PDB file of N, CA and C in Angstrom:
ATOM      1  N   THR A   1      86.842  65.147   9.682  1.00  0.00           N
ATOM      2  CA  THR A   1      87.897  65.207  10.695  1.00  0.00           C
ATOM      3  C   THR A   1      87.350  65.815  11.983  1.00  0.00           C
ATOM      4  N   GLU A   2      88.101  65.591  13.053  1.00  0.00           N
ATOM      5  CA  GLU A   2      87.672  66.105  14.359  1.00  0.00           C
ATOM      6  C   GLU A   2      87.663  67.635  14.364  1.00  0.00           C
ATOM      7  N   GLU A   3      88.648  68.228  13.697  1.00  0.00           N
ATOM      8  CA  GLU A   3      88.737  69.684  13.655  1.00  0.00           C
ATOM      9  C   GLU A   3      87.529  70.285  12.950  1.00  0.00           C
ATOM     10  N   ALA A   4      87.135  69.676  11.850  1.00  0.00           N
ATOM     11  CA  ALA A   4      85.966  70.153  11.105  1.00  0.00           C
ATOM     12  C   ALA A   4      84.704  70.016  11.949  1.00  0.00           C
ATOM     13  N   GLU A   5      84.608  68.912  12.694  1.00  0.00           N
ATOM     14  CA  GLU A   5      83.449  68.713  13.561  1.00  0.00           C
ATOM     15  C   GLU A   5      83.396  69.772  14.644  1.00  0.00           C
ATOM     16  N   SER A   6      84.531  70.060  15.280  1.00  0.00           N
ATOM     17  CA  SER A   6      84.507  71.033  16.367  1.00  0.00           C
ATOM     18  C   SER A   6      84.234  72.441  15.844  1.00  0.00           C
ATOM     19  N   SER A   7      84.702  72.775  14.647  1.00  0.00           N
ATOM     20  CA  SER A   7      84.382  74.101  14.114  1.00  0.00           C
ATOM     21  C   SER A   7      82.901  74.169  13.750  1.00  0.00           C
ATOM     22  N   GLY A   8      82.315  73.048  13.345  1.00  0.00           N
ATOM     23  CA  GLY A   8      80.881  73.004  13.093  1.00  0.00           C
ATOM     24  C   GLY A   8      80.085  73.210  14.362  1.00  0.00           C
ATOM     25  N   VAL A   9      80.559  72.617  15.440  1.00  0.00           N
ATOM     26  CA  VAL A   9      79.899  72.784  16.741  1.00  0.00           C
ATOM     27  C   VAL A   9      79.983  74.248  17.167  1.00  0.00           C
ATOM     28  N   LEU A  10      81.146  74.851  17.002  1.00  0.00           N
ATOM     29  CA  LEU A  10      81.305  76.261  17.373  1.00  0.00           C
ATOM     30  C   LEU A  10      80.385  77.160  16.562  1.00  0.00           C
ATOM     31  N   GLU A  11      80.230  76.832  15.302  1.00  0.00           N
ATOM     32  CA  GLU A  11      79.330  77.591  14.439  1.00  0.00           C
ATOM     33  C   GLU A  11      77.898  77.521  14.976  1.00  0.00           C
ATOM     34  N   VAL A  12      77.487  76.328  15.391  1.00  0.00           N
ATOM     35  CA  VAL A  12      76.145  76.132  15.921  1.00  0.00           C
ATOM     36  C   VAL A  12      76.002  76.819  17.279  1.00  0.00           C
ATOM     37  N   VAL A  13      77.044  76.760  18.108  1.00  0.00           N
ATOM     38  CA  VAL A  13      77.014  77.457  19.404  1.00  0.00           C
ATOM     39  C   VAL A  13      76.762  78.950  19.166  1.00  0.00           C
ATOM     40  N   GLY A  14      77.359  79.479  18.116  1.00  0.00           N
ATOM     41  CA  GLY A  14      77.176  80.892  17.768  1.00  0.00           C
ATOM     42  C   GLY A  14      75.743  81.268  17.454  1.00  0.00           C
ATOM     43  N   LYS A  15      74.931  80.285  17.119  1.00  0.00           N
ATOM     44  CA  LYS A  15      73.524  80.538  16.795  1.00  0.00           C
ATOM     45  C   LYS A  15      72.633  80.571  18.035  1.00  0.00           C
ATOM     46  N   LEU A  16      73.178  80.125  19.169  1.00  0.00           N
ATOM     47  CA  LEU A  16      72.383  80.128  20.403  1.00  0.00           C
ATOM     48  C   LEU A  16      72.170  81.554  20.894  1.00  0.00           C
ATOM     49  N   SER A  17      71.099  81.758  21.664  1.00  0.00           N
ATOM     50  CA  SER A  17      70.897  83.077  22.265  1.00  0.00           C
ATOM     51  C   SER A  17      72.005  83.306  23.290  1.00  0.00           C
ATOM     52  N   GLU A  18      72.254  84.555  23.598  1.00  0.00           N
ATOM     53  CA  GLU A  18      73.364  84.940  24.468  1.00  0.00           C
ATOM     54  C   GLU A  18      73.327  84.232  25.820  1.00  0.00           C
ATOM     55  N   ARG A  19      72.137  84.054  26.391  1.00  0.00           N
ATOM     56  CA  ARG A  19      72.034  83.449  27.733  1.00  0.00           C
ATOM     57  C   ARG A  19      72.553  82.012  27.744  1.00  0.00           C
ATOM     58  N   TYR A  20      72.354  81.282  26.656  1.00  0.00           N
ATOM     59  CA  TYR A  20      72.841  79.904  26.588  1.00  0.00           C
ATOM     60  C   TYR A  20      74.275  79.849  26.073  1.00  0.00           C
ATOM     61  N   LYS A  21      74.557  80.681  25.095  1.00  0.00           N
ATOM     62  CA  LYS A  21      75.893  80.704  24.503  1.00  0.00           C
ATOM     63  C   LYS A  21      76.952  81.007  25.571  1.00  0.00           C
ATOM     64  N   ALA A  22      76.697  81.983  26.421  1.00  0.00           N
ATOM     65  CA  ALA A  22      77.670  82.393  27.433  1.00  0.00           C
ATOM     66  C   ALA A  22      78.026  81.239  28.366  1.00  0.00           C
ATOM     67  N   VAL A  23      77.024  80.550  28.908  1.00  0.00           N
ATOM     68  CA  VAL A  23      77.338  79.466  29.857  1.00  0.00           C
ATOM     69  C   VAL A  23      77.997  78.278  29.163  1.00  0.00           C
ATOM     70  N   ILE A  24      77.573  77.971  27.936  1.00  0.00           N
ATOM     71  CA  ILE A  24      78.174  76.854  27.178  1.00  0.00           C
ATOM     72  C   ILE A  24      79.664  77.149  26.937  1.00  0.00           C
ATOM     73  N   ILE A  25      79.970  78.360  26.475  1.00  0.00           N
ATOM     74  CA  ILE A  25      81.356  78.725  26.185  1.00  0.00           C
ATOM     75  C   ILE A  25      82.192  78.739  27.464  1.00  0.00           C
ATOM     76  N   LEU A  26      81.665  79.373  28.505  1.00  0.00           N
ATOM     77  CA  LEU A  26      82.428  79.448  29.756  1.00  0.00           C
ATOM     78  C   LEU A  26      82.692  78.064  30.343  1.00  0.00           C
ATOM     79  N   HIS A  27      81.713  77.190  30.281  1.00  0.00           N
ATOM     80  CA  HIS A  27      81.854  75.871  30.897  1.00  0.00           C
ATOM     81  C   HIS A  27      82.664  74.903  30.038  1.00  0.00           C
ATOM     82  N   TYR A  28      82.249  74.729  28.793  1.00  0.00           N
ATOM     83  CA  TYR A  28      82.864  73.690  27.957  1.00  0.00           C
ATOM     84  C   TYR A  28      84.130  74.131  27.246  1.00  0.00           C
ATOM     85  N   LEU A  29      84.224  75.389  26.861  1.00  0.00           N
ATOM     86  CA  LEU A  29      85.412  75.822  26.126  1.00  0.00           C
ATOM     87  C   LEU A  29      86.466  76.428  27.049  1.00  0.00           C
ATOM     88  N   GLU A  30      86.021  77.179  28.055  1.00  0.00           N
ATOM     89  CA  GLU A  30      86.987  77.841  28.930  1.00  0.00           C
ATOM     90  C   GLU A  30      87.211  77.093  30.241  1.00  0.00           C
ATOM     91  N   GLY A  31      86.375  76.087  30.508  1.00  0.00           N
ATOM     92  CA  GLY A  31      86.622  75.209  31.640  1.00  0.00           C
ATOM     93  C   GLY A  31      86.210  75.716  33.016  1.00  0.00           C
ATOM     94  N   TYR A  32      85.368  76.731  33.069  1.00  0.00           N
ATOM     95  CA  TYR A  32      84.921  77.236  34.363  1.00  0.00           C
ATOM     96  C   TYR A  32      83.886  76.302  34.982  1.00  0.00           C
ATOM     97  N   SER A  33      83.873  76.276  36.310  1.00  0.00           N
ATOM     98  CA  SER A  33      82.892  75.453  37.023  1.00  0.00           C
ATOM     99  C   SER A  33      81.547  76.184  37.073  1.00  0.00           C
ATOM    100  N   VAL A  34      80.526  75.447  37.433  1.00  0.00           N
ATOM    101  CA  VAL A  34      79.187  76.033  37.575  1.00  0.00           C
ATOM    102  C   VAL A  34      79.229  77.186  38.590  1.00  0.00           C
ATOM    103  N   ASP A  35      79.904  76.973  39.708  1.00  0.00           N
ATOM    104  CA  ASP A  35      79.981  78.020  40.737  1.00  0.00           C
ATOM    105  C   ASP A  35      80.708  79.267  40.237  1.00  0.00           C
ATOM    106  N   GLU A  36      81.779  79.065  39.474  1.00  0.00           N
ATOM    107  CA  GLU A  36      82.514  80.216  38.932  1.00  0.00           C
ATOM    108  C   GLU A  36      81.649  80.998  37.947  1.00  0.00           C
ATOM    109  N   ILE A  37      80.929  80.283  37.100  1.00  0.00           N
ATOM    110  CA  ILE A  37      80.046  80.933  36.116  1.00  0.00           C
ATOM    111  C   ILE A  37      78.932  81.684  36.844  1.00  0.00           C
ATOM    112  N   SER A  38      78.397  81.060  37.879  1.00  0.00           N
ATOM    113  CA  SER A  38      77.359  81.675  38.695  1.00  0.00           C
ATOM    114  C   SER A  38      77.839  83.024  39.231  1.00  0.00           C
ATOM    115  N   PHE A  39      79.040  83.043  39.768  1.00  0.00           N
ATOM    116  CA  PHE A  39      79.625  84.271  40.307  1.00  0.00           C
ATOM    117  C   PHE A  39      79.840  85.307  39.198  1.00  0.00           C
ATOM    118  N   MET A  40      80.419  84.866  38.061  1.00  0.00           N
ATOM    119  CA  MET A  40      80.736  85.792  36.963  1.00  0.00           C
ATOM    120  C   MET A  40      79.494  86.454  36.385  1.00  0.00           C
ATOM    121  N   LEU A  41      78.433  85.661  36.237  1.00  0.00           N
ATOM    122  CA  LEU A  41      77.226  86.177  35.589  1.00  0.00           C
ATOM    123  C   LEU A  41      76.215  86.739  36.593  1.00  0.00           C
ATOM    124  N   GLY A  42      76.478  86.541  37.871  1.00  0.00           N
ATOM    125  CA  GLY A  42      75.567  87.058  38.883  1.00  0.00           C
ATOM    126  C   GLY A  42      74.226  86.339  38.903  1.00  0.00           C
ATOM    127  N   ILE A  43      74.248  85.038  38.598  1.00  0.00           N
ATOM    128  CA  ILE A  43      73.029  84.225  38.643  1.00  0.00           C
ATOM    129  C   ILE A  43      73.287  83.018  39.546  1.00  0.00           C
ATOM    130  N   SER A  44      72.232  82.343  39.971  1.00  0.00           N
ATOM    131  CA  SER A  44      72.412  81.201  40.873  1.00  0.00           C
ATOM    132  C   SER A  44      73.038  80.014  40.140  1.00  0.00           C
ATOM    133  N   ALA A  45      73.643  79.119  40.917  1.00  0.00           N
ATOM    134  CA  ALA A  45      74.235  77.902  40.348  1.00  0.00           C
ATOM    135  C   ALA A  45      73.153  77.073  39.662  1.00  0.00           C
ATOM    136  N   SER A  46      71.951  77.040  40.233  1.00  0.00           N
ATOM    137  CA  SER A  46      70.888  76.254  39.598  1.00  0.00           C
ATOM    138  C   SER A  46      70.473  76.872  38.258  1.00  0.00           C
ATOM    139  N   ALA A  47      70.548  78.201  38.148  1.00  0.00           N
ATOM    140  CA  ALA A  47      70.251  78.858  36.868  1.00  0.00           C
ATOM    141  C   ALA A  47      71.316  78.495  35.823  1.00  0.00           C
ATOM    142  N   VAL A  48      72.572  78.435  36.266  1.00  0.00           N
ATOM    143  CA  VAL A  48      73.662  78.041  35.357  1.00  0.00           C
ATOM    144  C   VAL A  48      73.413  76.619  34.859  1.00  0.00           C
ATOM    145  N   LYS A  49      73.092  75.706  35.791  1.00  0.00           N
ATOM    146  CA  LYS A  49      72.844  74.303  35.413  1.00  0.00           C
ATOM    147  C   LYS A  49      71.672  74.201  34.447  1.00  0.00           C
ATOM    148  N   MET A  50      70.626  74.972  34.697  1.00  0.00           N
ATOM    149  CA  MET A  50      69.452  74.950  33.821  1.00  0.00           C
ATOM    150  C   MET A  50      69.821  75.461  32.423  1.00  0.00           C
ATOM    151  N   ARG A  51      70.582  76.552  32.371  1.00  0.00           N
ATOM    152  CA  ARG A  51      70.993  77.094  31.063  1.00  0.00           C
ATOM    153  C   ARG A  51      71.907  76.132  30.320  1.00  0.00           C
ATOM    154  N   LEU A  52      72.791  75.443  31.050  1.00  0.00           N
ATOM    155  CA  LEU A  52      73.656  74.443  30.415  1.00  0.00           C
ATOM    156  C   LEU A  52      72.804  73.320  29.834  1.00  0.00           C
ATOM    157  N   SER A  53      71.839  72.863  30.613  1.00  0.00           N
ATOM    158  CA  SER A  53      70.978  71.771  30.171  1.00  0.00           C
ATOM    159  C   SER A  53      70.162  72.176  28.938  1.00  0.00           C
ATOM    160  N   ARG A  54      69.524  73.330  29.018  1.00  0.00           N
ATOM    161  CA  ARG A  54      68.721  73.809  27.878  1.00  0.00           C
ATOM    162  C   ARG A  54      69.605  74.119  26.680  1.00  0.00           C
ATOM    163  N   GLY A  55      70.773  74.685  26.949  1.00  0.00           N
ATOM    164  CA  GLY A  55      71.710  74.991  25.868  1.00  0.00           C
ATOM    165  C   GLY A  55      72.151  73.730  25.143  1.00  0.00           C
ATOM    166  N   ARG A  56      72.432  72.658  25.903  1.00  0.00           N
ATOM    167  CA  ARG A  56      72.812  71.375  25.284  1.00  0.00           C
ATOM    168  C   ARG A  56      71.668  70.836  24.440  1.00  0.00           C
ATOM    169  N   ASP A  57      70.446  70.915  24.966  1.00  0.00           N
ATOM    170  CA  ASP A  57      69.276  70.434  24.204  1.00  0.00           C
ATOM    171  C   ASP A  57      69.115  71.210  22.906  1.00  0.00           C
ATOM    172  N   LEU A  58      69.254  72.536  22.988  1.00  0.00           N
ATOM    173  CA  LEU A  58      69.135  73.371  21.790  1.00  0.00           C
ATOM    174  C   LEU A  58      70.242  73.052  20.789  1.00  0.00           C
ATOM    175  N   LEU A  59      71.460  72.863  21.301  1.00  0.00           N
ATOM    176  CA  LEU A  59      72.588  72.513  20.438  1.00  0.00           C
ATOM    177  C   LEU A  59      72.324  71.220  19.694  1.00  0.00           C
ATOM    178  N   LYS A  60      71.824  70.247  20.444  1.00  0.00           N
ATOM    179  CA  LYS A  60      71.523  68.940  19.862  1.00  0.00           C
ATOM    180  C   LYS A  60      70.513  69.079  18.720  1.00  0.00           C
ATOM    181  N   LYS A  61      69.456  69.850  18.968  1.00  0.00           N
ATOM    182  CA  LYS A  61      68.431  70.058  17.938  1.00  0.00           C
ATOM    183  C   LYS A  61      69.010  70.787  16.727  1.00  0.00           C
ATOM    184  N   LEU A  62      69.823  71.809  16.979  1.00  0.00           N
ATOM    185  CA  LEU A  62      70.438  72.555  15.879  1.00  0.00           C
ATOM    186  C   LEU A  62      71.401  71.674  15.084  1.00  0.00           C
ATOM    187  N   MET A  63      72.152  70.822  15.773  1.00  0.00           N
ATOM    188  CA  MET A  63      73.100  69.924  15.111  1.00  0.00           C
ATOM    189  C   MET A  63      72.358  68.927  14.230  1.00  0.00           C
ATOM    190  N   GLU A  64      71.223  68.438  14.725  1.00  0.00           N
ATOM    191  CA  GLU A  64      70.432  67.488  13.941  1.00  0.00           C
ATOM    192  C   GLU A  64      69.906  68.144  12.677  1.00  0.00           C
ATOM    193  N   LYS A  65      69.529  69.412  12.769  1.00  0.00           N
ATOM    194  CA  LYS A  65      69.062  70.154  11.592  1.00  0.00           C
ATOM    195  C   LYS A  65      70.175  70.319  10.560  1.00  0.00           C
ATOM    196  N   GLU A  66      71.409  70.499  11.051  1.00  0.00           N
ATOM    197  CA  GLU A  66      72.558  70.716  10.174  1.00  0.00           C
ATOM    198  C   GLU A  66      72.863  69.473   9.329  1.00  0.00           C
ATOM    199  N   ASP A  67      72.608  68.293   9.891  1.00  0.00           N
ATOM    200  CA  ASP A  67      72.960  67.041   9.201  1.00  0.00           C
ATOM    201  C   ASP A  67      72.176  66.797   7.937  1.00  0.00           C
TER     202      ASP A  67
END
């Protein structure tokens, strides 16, 4: 089910290091923009984008391992 899939994704997000987990949660779960996250975390917008990109890649790899 979709609910089981999303809880699995959340479980995997929990395994990410804090730097990636924070931006993934703020952006995808809480709906903040890159600029808002940049302001909240005190990092540049390009750093937020880089962490989102790397975080997605790590998530993908972790999800593949789970299967």
